[in-house]
Amino acid sequence: ARLTTPDEVDRYATAAGLTPEGRYADWNLSPYTEQYPMFLTTYTKRA
């Protein structure tokens, strides 16, 4: 397995027509910092 970085996920999402909206450390929407091993990112789709 290879971990995917937040920047890589953003590139994939942007290529699919999505715009990054927010990035969080967990499902409680705690602020993300690079010290967390996991991340949650929300995206919006252009009209």
All heavy atoms as atom14 arrays in JSON, in Angstrom:
{
  "sequence": "ARLTTPDEVDRYATAAGLTPEGRYADWNLSPYTEQYPMFLTTYTKRA",
  "atom14_mask": [
    [1, 1, 1, 1, 1, 0, 0, 0, 0, 0, 0, 0, 0, 0],
    [1, 1, 1, 1, 1, 1, 1, 1, 1, 1, 1, 0, 0, 0],
    [1, 1, 1, 1, 1, 1, 1, 1, 0, 0, 0, 0, 0, 0],
    [1, 1, 1, 1, 1, 1, 1, 0, 0, 0, 0, 0, 0, 0],
    [1, 1, 1, 1, 1, 1, 1, 0, 0, 0, 0, 0, 0, 0],
    [1, 1, 1, 1, 1, 1, 1, 0, 0, 0, 0, 0, 0, 0],
    [1, 1, 1, 1, 1, 1, 1, 1, 0, 0, 0, 0, 0, 0],
    [1, 1, 1, 1, 1, 1, 1, 1, 1, 0, 0, 0, 0, 0],
    [1, 1, 1, 1, 1, 1, 1, 0, 0, 0, 0, 0, 0, 0],
    [1, 1, 1, 1, 1, 1, 1, 1, 0, 0, 0, 0, 0, 0],
    [1, 1, 1, 1, 1, 1, 1, 1, 1, 1, 1, 0, 0, 0],
    [1, 1, 1, 1, 1, 1, 1, 1, 1, 1, 1, 1, 0, 0],
    [1, 1, 1, 1, 1, 0, 0, 0, 0, 0, 0, 0, 0, 0],
    [1, 1, 1, 1, 1, 1, 1, 0, 0, 0, 0, 0, 0, 0],
    [1, 1, 1, 1, 1, 0, 0, 0, 0, 0, 0, 0, 0, 0],
    [1, 1, 1, 1, 1, 0, 0, 0, 0, 0, 0, 0, 0, 0],
    [1, 1, 1, 1, 0, 0, 0, 0, 0, 0, 0, 0, 0, 0],
    [1, 1, 1, 1, 1, 1, 1, 1, 0, 0, 0, 0, 0, 0],
    [1, 1, 1, 1, 1, 1, 1, 0, 0, 0, 0, 0, 0, 0],
    [1, 1, 1, 1, 1, 1, 1, 0, 0, 0, 0, 0, 0, 0],
    [1, 1, 1, 1, 1, 1, 1, 1, 1, 0, 0, 0, 0, 0],
    [1, 1, 1, 1, 0, 0, 0, 0, 0, 0, 0, 0, 0, 0],
    [1, 1, 1, 1, 1, 1, 1, 1, 1, 1, 1, 0, 0, 0],
    [1, 1, 1, 1, 1, 1, 1, 1, 1, 1, 1, 1, 0, 0],
    [1, 1, 1, 1, 1, 0, 0, 0, 0, 0, 0, 0, 0, 0],
    [1, 1, 1, 1, 1, 1, 1, 1, 0, 0, 0, 0, 0, 0],
    [1, 1, 1, 1, 1, 1, 1, 1, 1, 1, 1, 1, 1, 1],
    [1, 1, 1, 1, 1, 1, 1, 1, 0, 0, 0, 0, 0, 0],
    [1, 1, 1, 1, 1, 1, 1, 1, 0, 0, 0, 0, 0, 0],
    [1, 1, 1, 1, 1, 1, 0, 0, 0, 0, 0, 0, 0, 0],
    [1, 1, 1, 1, 1, 1, 1, 0, 0, 0, 0, 0, 0, 0],
    [1, 1, 1, 1, 1, 1, 1, 1, 1, 1, 1, 1, 0, 0],
    [1, 1, 1, 1, 1, 1, 1, 0, 0, 0, 0, 0, 0, 0],
    [1, 1, 1, 1, 1, 1, 1, 1, 1, 0, 0, 0, 0, 0],
    [1, 1, 1, 1, 1, 1, 1, 1, 1, 0, 0, 0, 0, 0],
    [1, 1, 1, 1, 1, 1, 1, 1, 1, 1, 1, 1, 0, 0],
    [1, 1, 1, 1, 1, 1, 1, 0, 0, 0, 0, 0, 0, 0],
    [1, 1, 1, 1, 1, 1, 1, 1, 0, 0, 0, 0, 0, 0],
    [1, 1, 1, 1, 1, 1, 1, 1, 1, 1, 1, 0, 0, 0],
    [1, 1, 1, 1, 1, 1, 1, 1, 0, 0, 0, 0, 0, 0],
    [1, 1, 1, 1, 1, 1, 1, 0, 0, 0, 0, 0, 0, 0],
    [1, 1, 1, 1, 1, 1, 1, 0, 0, 0, 0, 0, 0, 0],
    [1, 1, 1, 1, 1, 1, 1, 1, 1, 1, 1, 1, 0, 0],
    [1, 1, 1, 1, 1, 1, 1, 0, 0, 0, 0, 0, 0, 0],
    [1, 1, 1, 1, 1, 1, 1, 1, 1, 0, 0, 0, 0, 0],
    [1, 1, 1, 1, 1, 1, 1, 1, 1, 1, 1, 0, 0, 0],
    [1, 1, 1, 1, 1, 0, 0, 0, 0, 0, 0, 0, 0, 0]
  ],
  "atom14_positions": [
    [[0.84, -1.2, 0.0], [0.0, 0.0, 0.0], [0.87, 1.25, 0.0], [2.0, 1.23, 0.49], [-0.9, -0.01, 1.23], [0.0, 0.0, 0.0], [0.0, 0.0, 0.0], [0.0, 0.0, 0.0], [0.0, 0.0, 0.0], [0.0, 0.0, 0.0], [0.0, 0.0, 0.0], [0.0, 0.0, 0.0], [0.0, 0.0, 0.0], [0.0, 0.0, 0.0]],
    [[0.33, 2.3, -0.54], [1.01, 3.59, -0.53], [-0.01, 4.63, -0.08], [-1.12, 4.7, -0.59], [1.5, 3.94, -1.93], [2.28, 5.24, -2.01], [2.7, 5.57, -3.43], [1.62, 6.05, -4.27], [1.14, 7.28, -4.25], [1.61, 8.17, -3.41], [0.18, 7.62, -5.07], [0.0, 0.0, 0.0], [0.0, 0.0, 0.0], [0.0, 0.0, 0.0]],
    [[0.36, 5.44, 0.9], [-0.53, 6.49, 1.36], [-0.6, 7.6, 0.32], [0.38, 7.91, -0.35], [-0.04, 7.05, 2.69], [-0.01, 6.06, 3.85], [0.51, 6.75, 5.11], [-1.39, 5.49, 4.1], [0.0, 0.0, 0.0], [0.0, 0.0, 0.0], [0.0, 0.0, 0.0], [0.0, 0.0, 0.0], [0.0, 0.0, 0.0], [0.0, 0.0, 0.0]],
    [[-1.76, 8.18, 0.18], [-1.98, 9.28, -0.75], [-1.95, 10.58, 0.04], [-2.62, 10.71, 1.06], [-3.33, 9.12, -1.46], [-3.39, 7.83, -2.05], [-3.52, 10.16, -2.54], [0.0, 0.0, 0.0], [0.0, 0.0, 0.0], [0.0, 0.0, 0.0], [0.0, 0.0, 0.0], [0.0, 0.0, 0.0], [0.0, 0.0, 0.0], [0.0, 0.0, 0.0]],
    [[-1.2, 11.55, -0.42], [-1.11, 12.82, 0.28], [-2.33, 13.69, -0.01], [-3.0, 13.51, -1.04], [0.16, 13.6, -0.14], [0.02, 13.98, -1.51], [1.42, 12.77, 0.06], [0.0, 0.0, 0.0], [0.0, 0.0, 0.0], [0.0, 0.0, 0.0], [0.0, 0.0, 0.0], [0.0, 0.0, 0.0], [0.0, 0.0, 0.0], [0.0, 0.0, 0.0]],
    [[-2.63, 14.65, 0.86], [-3.74, 15.57, 0.58], [-3.59, 16.3, -0.75], [-4.57, 16.47, -1.48], [-3.7, 16.54, 1.76], [-3.09, 15.76, 2.88], [-2.07, 14.88, 2.2], [0.0, 0.0, 0.0], [0.0, 0.0, 0.0], [0.0, 0.0, 0.0], [0.0, 0.0, 0.0], [0.0, 0.0, 0.0], [0.0, 0.0, 0.0], [0.0, 0.0, 0.0]],
    [[-2.37, 16.7, -1.1], [-2.16, 17.38, -2.37], [-2.49, 16.48, -3.56], [-3.06, 16.93, -4.56], [-0.72, 17.87, -2.5], [-0.42, 19.03, -1.56], [-1.37, 19.73, -1.14], [0.76, 19.24, -1.25], [0.0, 0.0, 0.0], [0.0, 0.0, 0.0], [0.0, 0.0, 0.0], [0.0, 0.0, 0.0], [0.0, 0.0, 0.0], [0.0, 0.0, 0.0]],
    [[-2.14, 15.2, -3.47], [-2.46, 14.26, -4.55], [-3.96, 14.1, -4.69], [-4.49, 14.11, -5.81], [-1.82, 12.9, -4.29], [-0.33, 12.87, -4.48], [0.24, 11.51, -4.14], [0.07, 11.05, -2.98], [0.85, 10.9, -5.03], [0.0, 0.0, 0.0], [0.0, 0.0, 0.0], [0.0, 0.0, 0.0], [0.0, 0.0, 0.0], [0.0, 0.0, 0.0]],
    [[-4.66, 13.96, -3.57], [-6.12, 13.81, -3.61], [-6.74, 15.06, -4.22], [-7.67, 14.96, -5.04], [-6.67, 13.52, -2.2], [-8.19, 13.5, -2.22], [-6.14, 12.19, -1.69], [0.0, 0.0, 0.0], [0.0, 0.0, 0.0], [0.0, 0.0, 0.0], [0.0, 0.0, 0.0], [0.0, 0.0, 0.0], [0.0, 0.0, 0.0], [0.0, 0.0, 0.0]],
    [[-6.24, 16.24, -3.85], [-6.77, 17.48, -4.43], [-6.56, 17.52, -5.94], [-7.44, 17.96, -6.68], [-6.11, 18.7, -3.79], [-6.61, 18.97, -2.38], [-7.61, 18.38, -1.96], [-5.96, 19.8, -1.69], [0.0, 0.0, 0.0], [0.0, 0.0, 0.0], [0.0, 0.0, 0.0], [0.0, 0.0, 0.0], [0.0, 0.0, 0.0], [0.0, 0.0, 0.0]],
    [[-5.41, 17.08, -6.41], [-5.16, 17.05, -7.87], [-6.15, 16.12, -8.57], [-6.68, 16.45, -9.63], [-3.73, 16.63, -8.16], [-2.73, 17.75, -7.98], [-1.38, 17.46, -8.62], [-0.74, 16.26, -8.09], [0.05, 16.23, -7.01], [0.3, 17.34, -6.34], [0.59, 15.11, -6.61], [0.0, 0.0, 0.0], [0.0, 0.0, 0.0], [0.0, 0.0, 0.0]],
    [[-6.39, 14.94, -7.99], [-7.34, 14.0, -8.59], [-8.74, 14.61, -8.62], [-9.46, 14.52, -9.63], [-7.39, 12.68, -7.82], [-6.09, 11.92, -7.74], [-5.76, 11.19, -6.6], [-5.18, 11.92, -8.78], [-4.57, 10.49, -6.51], [-3.99, 11.21, -8.7], [-3.7, 10.51, -7.56], [-2.52, 9.81, -7.48], [0.0, 0.0, 0.0], [0.0, 0.0, 0.0]],
    [[-9.13, 15.25, -7.53], [-10.46, 15.85, -7.45], [-10.6, 17.01, -8.44], [-11.62, 17.13, -9.12], [-10.72, 16.33, -6.02], [0.0, 0.0, 0.0], [0.0, 0.0, 0.0], [0.0, 0.0, 0.0], [0.0, 0.0, 0.0], [0.0, 0.0, 0.0], [0.0, 0.0, 0.0], [0.0, 0.0, 0.0], [0.0, 0.0, 0.0], [0.0, 0.0, 0.0]],
    [[-9.57, 17.84, -8.52], [-9.6, 18.97, -9.46], [-9.7, 18.46, -10.9], [-10.46, 19.0, -11.71], [-8.34, 19.85, -9.28], [-8.33, 20.34, -7.94], [-8.35, 21.02, -10.24], [0.0, 0.0, 0.0], [0.0, 0.0, 0.0], [0.0, 0.0, 0.0], [0.0, 0.0, 0.0], [0.0, 0.0, 0.0], [0.0, 0.0, 0.0], [0.0, 0.0, 0.0]],
    [[-8.97, 17.41, -11.22], [-9.04, 16.82, -12.56], [-10.44, 16.27, -12.86], [-10.85, 16.21, -14.02], [-8.0, 15.71, -12.7], [0.0, 0.0, 0.0], [0.0, 0.0, 0.0], [0.0, 0.0, 0.0], [0.0, 0.0, 0.0], [0.0, 0.0, 0.0], [0.0, 0.0, 0.0], [0.0, 0.0, 0.0], [0.0, 0.0, 0.0], [0.0, 0.0, 0.0]],
    [[-11.18, 15.9, -11.81], [-12.54, 15.38, -11.98], [-13.58, 16.5, -11.94], [-14.78, 16.23, -11.95], [-12.84, 14.36, -10.88], [0.0, 0.0, 0.0], [0.0, 0.0, 0.0], [0.0, 0.0, 0.0], [0.0, 0.0, 0.0], [0.0, 0.0, 0.0], [0.0, 0.0, 0.0], [0.0, 0.0, 0.0], [0.0, 0.0, 0.0], [0.0, 0.0, 0.0]],
    [[-13.13, 17.77, -11.86], [-14.05, 18.89, -11.88], [-14.54, 19.33, -10.51], [-15.54, 20.03, -10.42], [0.0, 0.0, 0.0], [0.0, 0.0, 0.0], [0.0, 0.0, 0.0], [0.0, 0.0, 0.0], [0.0, 0.0, 0.0], [0.0, 0.0, 0.0], [0.0, 0.0, 0.0], [0.0, 0.0, 0.0], [0.0, 0.0, 0.0], [0.0, 0.0, 0.0]],
    [[-13.85, 18.92, -9.46], [-14.25, 19.29, -8.1], [-13.33, 20.38, -7.56], [-12.17, 20.48, -7.96], [-14.19, 18.08, -7.18], [-15.06, 16.89, -7.6], [-14.82, 15.71, -6.67], [-16.53, 17.27, -7.62], [0.0, 0.0, 0.0], [0.0, 0.0, 0.0], [0.0, 0.0, 0.0], [0.0, 0.0, 0.0], [0.0, 0.0, 0.0], [0.0, 0.0, 0.0]],
    [[-13.86, 21.19, -6.64], [-13.1, 22.26, -6.01], [-12.97, 21.95, -4.52], [-13.98, 21.73, -3.85], [-13.81, 23.61, -6.19], [-13.98, 23.84, -7.59], [-13.02, 24.74, -5.57], [0.0, 0.0, 0.0], [0.0, 0.0, 0.0], [0.0, 0.0, 0.0], [0.0, 0.0, 0.0], [0.0, 0.0, 0.0], [0.0, 0.0, 0.0], [0.0, 0.0, 0.0]],
    [[-11.75, 21.95, -3.98], [-11.59, 21.71, -2.55], [-12.33, 22.77, -1.74], [-12.31, 23.95, -2.06], [-10.08, 21.83, -2.32], [-9.47, 21.57, -3.66], [-10.45, 22.12, -4.65], [0.0, 0.0, 0.0], [0.0, 0.0, 0.0], [0.0, 0.0, 0.0], [0.0, 0.0, 0.0], [0.0, 0.0, 0.0], [0.0, 0.0, 0.0], [0.0, 0.0, 0.0]],
    [[-13.03, 22.31, -0.69], [-13.83, 23.21, 0.14], [-13.28, 23.29, 1.56], [-13.21, 24.36, 2.14], [-15.27, 22.72, 0.16], [-16.2, 23.54, 1.0], [-17.6, 22.97, 0.97], [-17.76, 21.77, 1.27], [-18.52, 23.73, 0.66], [0.0, 0.0, 0.0], [0.0, 0.0, 0.0], [0.0, 0.0, 0.0], [0.0, 0.0, 0.0], [0.0, 0.0, 0.0]],
    [[-12.9, 22.14, 2.14], [-12.37, 22.13, 3.5], [-11.59, 20.87, 3.77], [-11.8, 19.85, 3.11], [0.0, 0.0, 0.0], [0.0, 0.0, 0.0], [0.0, 0.0, 0.0], [0.0, 0.0, 0.0], [0.0, 0.0, 0.0], [0.0, 0.0, 0.0], [0.0, 0.0, 0.0], [0.0, 0.0, 0.0], [0.0, 0.0, 0.0], [0.0, 0.0, 0.0]],
    [[-10.66, 20.94, 4.7], [-9.87, 19.75, 5.07], [-9.88, 19.65, 6.59], [-9.68, 20.63, 7.29], [-8.44, 19.85, 4.55], [-7.61, 18.65, 4.95], [-6.33, 18.51, 4.16], [-6.65, 18.12, 2.79], [-6.22, 18.76, 1.72], [-5.43, 19.78, 1.81], [-6.55, 18.35, 0.52], [0.0, 0.0, 0.0], [0.0, 0.0, 0.0], [0.0, 0.0, 0.0]],
    [[-10.12, 18.43, 7.08], [-10.29, 18.2, 8.51], [-9.48, 16.99, 8.95], [-9.08, 16.16, 8.14], [-11.78, 17.98, 8.81], [-12.64, 19.08, 8.24], [-13.29, 18.91, 7.03], [-12.75, 20.29, 8.89], [-14.05, 19.94, 6.48], [-13.51, 21.32, 8.36], [-14.17, 21.13, 7.15], [-14.91, 22.15, 6.6], [0.0, 0.0, 0.0], [0.0, 0.0, 0.0]],
    [[-9.28, 16.9, 10.26], [-8.51, 15.8, 10.84], [-9.36, 14.57, 11.11], [-8.85, 13.46, 11.21], [-7.83, 16.25, 12.13], [0.0, 0.0, 0.0], [0.0, 0.0, 0.0], [0.0, 0.0, 0.0], [0.0, 0.0, 0.0], [0.0, 0.0, 0.0], [0.0, 0.0, 0.0], [0.0, 0.0, 0.0], [0.0, 0.0, 0.0], [0.0, 0.0, 0.0]],
    [[-10.69, 14.76, 11.24], [-11.57, 13.63, 11.58], [-13.02, 13.98, 11.24], [-13.31, 15.07, 10.74], [-11.43, 13.28, 13.07], [-11.68, 14.47, 13.98], [-12.51, 15.33, 13.65], [-11.02, 14.53, 15.04], [0.0, 0.0, 0.0], [0.0, 0.0, 0.0], [0.0, 0.0, 0.0], [0.0, 0.0, 0.0], [0.0, 0.0, 0.0], [0.0, 0.0, 0.0]],
    [[-13.93, 13.03, 11.52], [-15.35, 13.22, 11.2], [-16.0, 14.28, 12.09], [-17.11, 14.73, 11.8], [-16.11, 11.9, 11.32], [-15.74, 10.96, 10.22], [-14.99, 9.83, 10.34], [-16.08, 11.06, 8.84], [-14.84, 9.23, 9.11], [-15.51, 9.96, 8.18], [-16.82, 11.98, 8.09], [-15.65, 9.76, 6.81], [-16.96, 11.76, 6.74], [-16.37, 10.67, 6.11]],
    [[-15.34, 14.69, 13.17], [-15.85, 15.78, 14.02], [-15.45, 17.14, 13.46], [-15.7, 18.17, 14.08], [-15.32, 15.63, 15.44], [-15.88, 14.39, 16.1], [-17.04, 14.05, 15.93], [-15.04, 13.71, 16.86], [0.0, 0.0, 0.0], [0.0, 0.0, 0.0], [0.0, 0.0, 0.0], [0.0, 0.0, 0.0], [0.0, 0.0, 0.0], [0.0, 0.0, 0.0]],
    [[-14.8, 17.15, 12.31], [-14.35, 18.34, 11.6], [-13.33, 19.15, 12.41], [-13.28, 20.37, 12.34], [-15.53, 19.22, 11.18], [-16.63, 18.52, 10.36], [-17.71, 19.5, 9.98], [-16.05, 17.83, 9.14], [0.0, 0.0, 0.0], [0.0, 0.0, 0.0], [0.0, 0.0, 0.0], [0.0, 0.0, 0.0], [0.0, 0.0, 0.0], [0.0, 0.0, 0.0]],
    [[-12.49, 18.42, 13.14], [-11.38, 19.06, 13.85], [-10.41, 19.62, 12.82], [-10.22, 19.04, 11.76], [-10.64, 18.05, 14.74], [-11.54, 17.48, 15.67], [0.0, 0.0, 0.0], [0.0, 0.0, 0.0], [0.0, 0.0, 0.0], [0.0, 0.0, 0.0], [0.0, 0.0, 0.0], [0.0, 0.0, 0.0], [0.0, 0.0, 0.0], [0.0, 0.0, 0.0]],
    [[-9.78, 20.75, 13.13], [-8.83, 21.34, 12.18], [-7.71, 20.37, 11.8], [-7.17, 19.67, 12.66], [-8.27, 22.54, 12.93], [-9.28, 22.85, 13.97], [-9.89, 21.53, 14.35], [0.0, 0.0, 0.0], [0.0, 0.0, 0.0], [0.0, 0.0, 0.0], [0.0, 0.0, 0.0], [0.0, 0.0, 0.0], [0.0, 0.0, 0.0], [0.0, 0.0, 0.0]],
    [[-7.4, 20.33, 10.53], [-6.34, 19.44, 10.04], [-4.98, 20.11, 10.2], [-4.82, 21.3, 9.91], [-6.56, 19.11, 8.56], [-5.41, 18.36, 7.95], [-5.25, 17.01, 8.19], [-4.48, 19.01, 7.15], [-4.18, 16.32, 7.64], [-3.42, 18.33, 6.59], [-3.28, 16.98, 6.85], [-2.21, 16.31, 6.31], [0.0, 0.0, 0.0], [0.0, 0.0, 0.0]],
    [[-4.01, 19.34, 10.65], [-2.6, 19.74, 10.59], [-1.84, 18.52, 10.09], [-2.34, 17.39, 10.15], [-2.04, 20.17, 11.96], [-2.04, 19.05, 12.84], [-2.85, 21.31, 12.57], [0.0, 0.0, 0.0], [0.0, 0.0, 0.0], [0.0, 0.0, 0.0], [0.0, 0.0, 0.0], [0.0, 0.0, 0.0], [0.0, 0.0, 0.0], [0.0, 0.0, 0.0]],
    [[-0.65, 18.73, 9.62], [0.13, 17.63, 9.05], [0.55, 16.59, 10.08], [1.03, 15.52, 9.71], [1.35, 18.18, 8.31], [0.95, 18.92, 7.05], [2.14, 19.36, 6.23], [3.26, 18.9, 6.49], [1.93, 20.16, 5.3], [0.0, 0.0, 0.0], [0.0, 0.0, 0.0], [0.0, 0.0, 0.0], [0.0, 0.0, 0.0], [0.0, 0.0, 0.0]],
    [[0.35, 16.85, 11.36], [0.71, 15.86, 12.39], [-0.25, 14.68, 12.41], [0.07, 13.62, 12.9], [0.76, 16.5, 13.77], [-0.62, 16.74, 14.38], [-0.55, 17.46, 15.71], [0.14, 18.44, 15.84], [-1.27, 16.96, 16.67], [0.0, 0.0, 0.0], [0.0, 0.0, 0.0], [0.0, 0.0, 0.0], [0.0, 0.0, 0.0], [0.0, 0.0, 0.0]],
    [[-1.47, 14.87, 11.84], [-2.45, 13.79, 11.81], [-2.14, 12.84, 10.65], [-1.85, 13.29, 9.54], [-3.86, 14.33, 11.66], [-4.35, 15.09, 12.86], [-4.4, 16.47, 12.86], [-4.75, 14.42, 14.0], [-4.83, 17.18, 13.96], [-5.18, 15.11, 15.11], [-5.23, 16.49, 15.09], [-5.65, 17.16, 16.19], [0.0, 0.0, 0.0], [0.0, 0.0, 0.0]],
    [[-2.23, 11.54, 10.87], [-1.92, 10.59, 9.8], [-3.04, 10.46, 8.77], [-2.82, 9.98, 7.67], [-1.71, 9.27, 10.54], [-2.56, 9.4, 11.77], [-2.5, 10.87, 12.13], [0.0, 0.0, 0.0], [0.0, 0.0, 0.0], [0.0, 0.0, 0.0], [0.0, 0.0, 0.0], [0.0, 0.0, 0.0], [0.0, 0.0, 0.0], [0.0, 0.0, 0.0]],
    [[-4.25, 10.88, 9.11], [-5.4, 10.74, 8.22], [-6.0, 12.12, 7.99], [-5.75, 13.06, 8.74], [-6.46, 9.82, 8.84], [-5.92, 8.46, 9.23], [-5.36, 7.49, 7.84], [-6.89, 6.82, 7.29], [0.0, 0.0, 0.0], [0.0, 0.0, 0.0], [0.0, 0.0, 0.0], [0.0, 0.0, 0.0], [0.0, 0.0, 0.0], [0.0, 0.0, 0.0]],
    [[-6.83, 12.24, 6.94], [-7.49, 13.51, 6.68], [-8.82, 13.27, 5.98], [-9.06, 12.22, 5.39], [-6.6, 14.42, 5.81], [-6.29, 13.86, 4.45], [-7.07, 14.16, 3.36], [-5.2, 13.02, 4.27], [-6.79, 13.64, 2.11], [-4.9, 12.5, 3.03], [-5.7, 12.82, 1.94], [0.0, 0.0, 0.0], [0.0, 0.0, 0.0], [0.0, 0.0, 0.0]],
    [[-9.68, 14.24, 6.1], [-10.99, 14.25, 5.46], [-11.08, 15.56, 4.7], [-10.85, 16.62, 5.26], [-12.1, 14.16, 6.51], [-13.5, 14.44, 6.05], [-13.99, 13.29, 5.18], [-14.43, 14.62, 7.23], [0.0, 0.0, 0.0], [0.0, 0.0, 0.0], [0.0, 0.0, 0.0], [0.0, 0.0, 0.0], [0.0, 0.0, 0.0], [0.0, 0.0, 0.0]],
    [[-11.39, 15.49, 3.41], [-11.51, 16.7, 2.61], [-12.88, 16.72, 1.96], [-13.37, 15.71, 1.49], [-10.42, 16.73, 1.51], [-9.15, 16.6, 2.12], [-10.47, 18.05, 0.73], [0.0, 0.0, 0.0], [0.0, 0.0, 0.0], [0.0, 0.0, 0.0], [0.0, 0.0, 0.0], [0.0, 0.0, 0.0], [0.0, 0.0, 0.0], [0.0, 0.0, 0.0]],
    [[-13.5, 17.9, 1.98], [-14.8, 18.06, 1.3], [-14.55, 18.86, 0.02], [-13.66, 19.7, -0.05], [-15.81, 18.79, 2.2], [-15.27, 20.05, 2.6], [-16.14, 17.95, 3.43], [0.0, 0.0, 0.0], [0.0, 0.0, 0.0], [0.0, 0.0, 0.0], [0.0, 0.0, 0.0], [0.0, 0.0, 0.0], [0.0, 0.0, 0.0], [0.0, 0.0, 0.0]],
    [[-15.37, 18.58, -0.97], [-15.25, 19.22, -2.28], [-16.62, 19.67, -2.75], [-17.65, 19.15, -2.33], [-14.69, 18.23, -3.32], [-13.3, 17.76, -3.0], [-13.1, 16.61, -2.26], [-12.19, 18.46, -3.44], [-11.82, 16.18, -1.94], [-10.92, 18.05, -3.13], [-10.74, 16.9, -2.39], [-9.47, 16.49, -2.08], [0.0, 0.0, 0.0], [0.0, 0.0, 0.0]],
    [[-16.64, 20.65, -3.65], [-17.87, 21.06, -4.31], [-17.69, 20.84, -5.8], [-16.57, 20.8, -6.31], [-18.18, 22.54, -4.04], [-17.08, 23.35, -4.46], [-18.45, 22.79, -2.57], [0.0, 0.0, 0.0], [0.0, 0.0, 0.0], [0.0, 0.0, 0.0], [0.0, 0.0, 0.0], [0.0, 0.0, 0.0], [0.0, 0.0, 0.0], [0.0, 0.0, 0.0]],
    [[-18.82, 20.68, -6.47], [-18.79, 20.49, -7.92], [-19.27, 21.76, -8.6], [-20.28, 22.33, -8.2], [-19.67, 19.31, -8.33], [-19.6, 19.01, -9.79], [-20.34, 17.76, -10.15], [-20.2, 17.55, -11.64], [-20.58, 16.23, -12.04], [0.0, 0.0, 0.0], [0.0, 0.0, 0.0], [0.0, 0.0, 0.0], [0.0, 0.0, 0.0], [0.0, 0.0, 0.0]],
    [[-18.5, 22.18, -9.59], [-18.87, 23.38, -10.35], [-20.18, 23.16, -11.11], [-20.43, 22.05, -11.59], [-17.78, 23.74, -11.33], [-16.47, 24.04, -10.67], [-15.39, 24.37, -11.71], [-14.09, 24.18, -11.11], [-13.13, 23.43, -11.58], [-13.29, 22.79, -12.72], [-11.97, 23.31, -10.96], [0.0, 0.0, 0.0], [0.0, 0.0, 0.0], [0.0, 0.0, 0.0]],
    [[-20.96, 24.21, -11.21], [-22.25, 24.11, -11.93], [-22.03, 24.09, -13.42], [-21.08, 24.54, -13.96], [-23.14, 25.27, -11.56], [0.0, 0.0, 0.0], [0.0, 0.0, 0.0], [0.0, 0.0, 0.0], [0.0, 0.0, 0.0], [0.0, 0.0, 0.0], [0.0, 0.0, 0.0], [0.0, 0.0, 0.0], [0.0, 0.0, 0.0], [0.0, 0.0, 0.0]]
  ]
}
